[in-house]
Protein backbone atom coordinates (compact mmCIF):
# COMPACT_ATOMS: atom_id res chain seq x y z
CA MET A 1 -55.07 25.45 -14.56
CA SER A 2 -58.39 24.82 -12.82
CA ILE A 3 -58.79 24.18 -9.09
CA LYS A 4 -59.53 20.51 -9.86
CA GLU A 5 -56.35 20.21 -11.96
CA LYS A 6 -54.26 21.78 -9.19
CA GLU A 7 -55.80 19.37 -6.68
CA GLU A 8 -55.02 16.39 -8.93
CA GLU A 9 -51.43 17.58 -9.27
CA ILE A 10 -51.06 17.67 -5.48
CA VAL A 11 -52.62 14.21 -5.10
CA ASP A 12 -50.10 12.89 -7.64
CA GLU A 13 -47.21 14.55 -5.79
CA PHE A 14 -48.27 13.05 -2.46
CA ALA A 15 -48.58 9.59 -4.05
CA ILE A 16 -44.81 9.62 -4.64
CA TYR A 17 -44.15 9.42 -0.89
CA SER A 18 -44.47 6.08 0.85
CA ASP A 19 -45.04 7.22 4.43
CA TRP A 20 -46.29 10.18 6.39
CA MET A 21 -42.88 11.25 7.63
CA GLU A 22 -41.89 11.91 4.02
CA LYS A 23 -45.22 13.66 3.39
CA TYR A 24 -44.69 15.92 6.42
CA GLU A 25 -41.23 16.78 5.13
CA TYR A 26 -42.79 17.69 1.79
CA ILE A 27 -45.42 19.86 3.50
CA ILE A 28 -42.64 21.65 5.39
CA GLU A 29 -40.79 22.26 2.11
CA LEU A 30 -43.98 23.71 0.59
CA GLY A 31 -44.16 26.14 3.48
CA LYS A 32 -40.74 27.50 2.56
CA ASP A 33 -42.13 28.59 -0.83
CA LEU A 34 -45.21 30.27 0.66
CA PRO A 35 -45.90 33.75 -0.76
CA LEU A 36 -45.28 35.61 2.48
CA ILE A 37 -47.70 38.12 3.85
CA ASP A 38 -46.52 41.73 4.05
CA GLU A 39 -45.49 42.54 7.63
CA LYS A 40 -48.17 45.25 7.79
CA TYR A 41 -50.82 42.50 7.58
CA LYS A 42 -49.43 40.51 10.50
CA VAL A 43 -52.04 42.00 12.80
CA GLU A 44 -54.75 40.61 15.05
CA GLU A 45 -57.51 41.10 12.43
CA LYS A 46 -55.64 38.86 9.97
CA LEU A 47 -55.14 35.96 12.42
CA ILE A 48 -57.19 32.88 11.64
CA LYS A 49 -59.24 31.99 14.70
CA GLY A 50 -59.31 28.32 15.67
CA CYS A 51 -55.71 27.53 14.81
CA GLN A 52 -53.37 26.16 17.46
CA SER A 53 -50.53 28.20 16.02
CA GLN A 54 -50.62 31.73 14.71
CA VAL A 55 -51.66 31.94 11.06
CA TRP A 56 -52.08 35.27 9.33
CA LEU A 57 -53.98 35.41 6.04
CA HIS A 58 -54.35 38.36 3.73
CA ALA A 59 -56.75 38.14 0.85
CA GLU A 60 -57.66 40.65 -1.81
CA LYS A 61 -59.33 40.65 -5.16
CA GLU A 62 -57.04 41.65 -8.01
CA GLY A 63 -58.99 42.06 -11.19
CA ASP A 64 -61.26 39.02 -11.33
CA VAL A 65 -59.21 36.72 -9.09
CA MET A 66 -58.35 36.27 -5.44
CA LYS A 67 -54.78 36.74 -4.25
CA PHE A 68 -53.75 35.17 -0.96
CA THR A 69 -50.62 35.60 1.13
CA ALA A 70 -50.00 34.11 4.55
CA ASP A 71 -47.52 33.24 7.25
CA SER A 72 -47.43 31.07 10.34
CA ASP A 73 -45.20 30.60 13.33
CA ALA A 74 -45.36 26.80 12.89
CA ILE A 75 -43.62 24.98 10.02
CA ILE A 76 -46.30 22.33 9.39
CA THR A 77 -49.07 24.93 9.50
CA LYS A 78 -47.12 27.11 7.10
CA GLY A 79 -46.98 24.18 4.68
CA ILE A 80 -50.70 23.49 5.04
CA ILE A 81 -51.68 27.09 4.27
CA ALA A 82 -49.20 27.00 1.35
CA LEU A 83 -51.11 23.99 -0.06
CA LEU A 84 -54.42 25.82 0.24
CA ILE A 85 -53.01 28.96 -1.37
CA ARG A 86 -51.53 26.91 -4.21
CA VAL A 87 -55.01 25.58 -5.01
CA LEU A 88 -57.10 28.73 -4.42
CA ASN A 89 -54.76 31.57 -5.46
CA ASN A 90 -55.55 33.30 -8.76
CA GLU A 91 -59.07 31.85 -8.87
CA SER A 92 -62.33 33.76 -9.04
CA PRO A 93 -64.10 34.46 -5.74
CA ALA A 94 -67.00 32.26 -6.88
CA ASP A 95 -64.69 29.33 -7.65
CA VAL A 96 -62.90 29.71 -4.30
CA ALA A 97 -66.19 29.84 -2.42
CA LYS A 98 -67.55 26.67 -4.04
CA ALA A 99 -64.29 24.64 -4.10
CA ASP A 100 -64.79 21.30 -2.34
CA LEU A 101 -61.05 20.76 -1.79
CA ALA A 102 -61.46 17.00 -2.10
CA PHE A 103 -57.69 16.64 -2.39
CA LEU A 104 -57.42 17.10 1.39
CA GLN A 105 -59.33 13.83 1.86
CA GLU A 106 -57.56 12.12 -1.02
CA ILE A 107 -54.09 12.74 0.40
CA GLY A 108 -55.33 11.82 3.90
CA LEU A 109 -54.18 15.08 5.45
CA GLN A 110 -56.91 15.55 8.05
CA GLU A 111 -56.60 12.03 9.43
CA HIS A 112 -52.85 12.52 9.92
CA LEU A 113 -53.12 15.78 11.82
CA SER A 114 -53.62 16.20 15.53
CA PRO A 115 -57.21 17.21 16.42
CA THR A 116 -56.12 20.80 17.06
CA ARG A 117 -54.27 21.02 13.72
CA ALA A 118 -57.26 19.43 11.92
CA ASN A 119 -59.50 22.10 13.46
CA GLY A 120 -57.01 24.72 12.30
CA LEU A 121 -57.18 23.34 8.76
CA VAL A 122 -60.96 23.66 8.79
CA SER A 123 -60.60 27.24 10.09
CA MET A 124 -58.14 28.10 7.29
CA VAL A 125 -60.51 26.78 4.62
CA LYS A 126 -63.48 28.63 6.12
CA LYS A 127 -61.52 31.89 6.32
CA MET A 128 -60.34 31.67 2.70
CA LYS A 129 -63.87 30.93 1.48
CA MET A 130 -65.31 33.76 3.59
CA GLU A 131 -62.76 36.18 2.13
CA ALA A 132 -63.78 35.07 -1.37
CA ILE A 133 -67.49 35.53 -0.63
CA GLN A 134 -66.84 39.01 0.75
CA ASN A 135 -64.90 39.90 -2.42
CA ALA A 136 -67.40 38.41 -4.88
């Protein structure tokens, strides 16, 4: 499944919910299925700078694709990084680096986050793309 197809799937899933309280609950549920980072990667160097909460991201290239794992100390943030991983995991570094992630706008995520969480989202995207570029 391409990045675009994964994004469309998420947009369709979010369309099911009528209000943002339900969408937040869904994001929290997604966080529970997050492929958790190995404890040995929960170190300062793996923290994403610019996030209000602590978010650790580990990225590595396996074969021709990127593999991401993460964790956060905040349930909403954990769900947000889970969404990003769902879209970008198992994709080539080049595809990750050039992904526009339009689904974030389509589902209205940024406009429904506090300014600090919205900044954290931008930091997560930048970090994942930087990891892909470094592994290209």
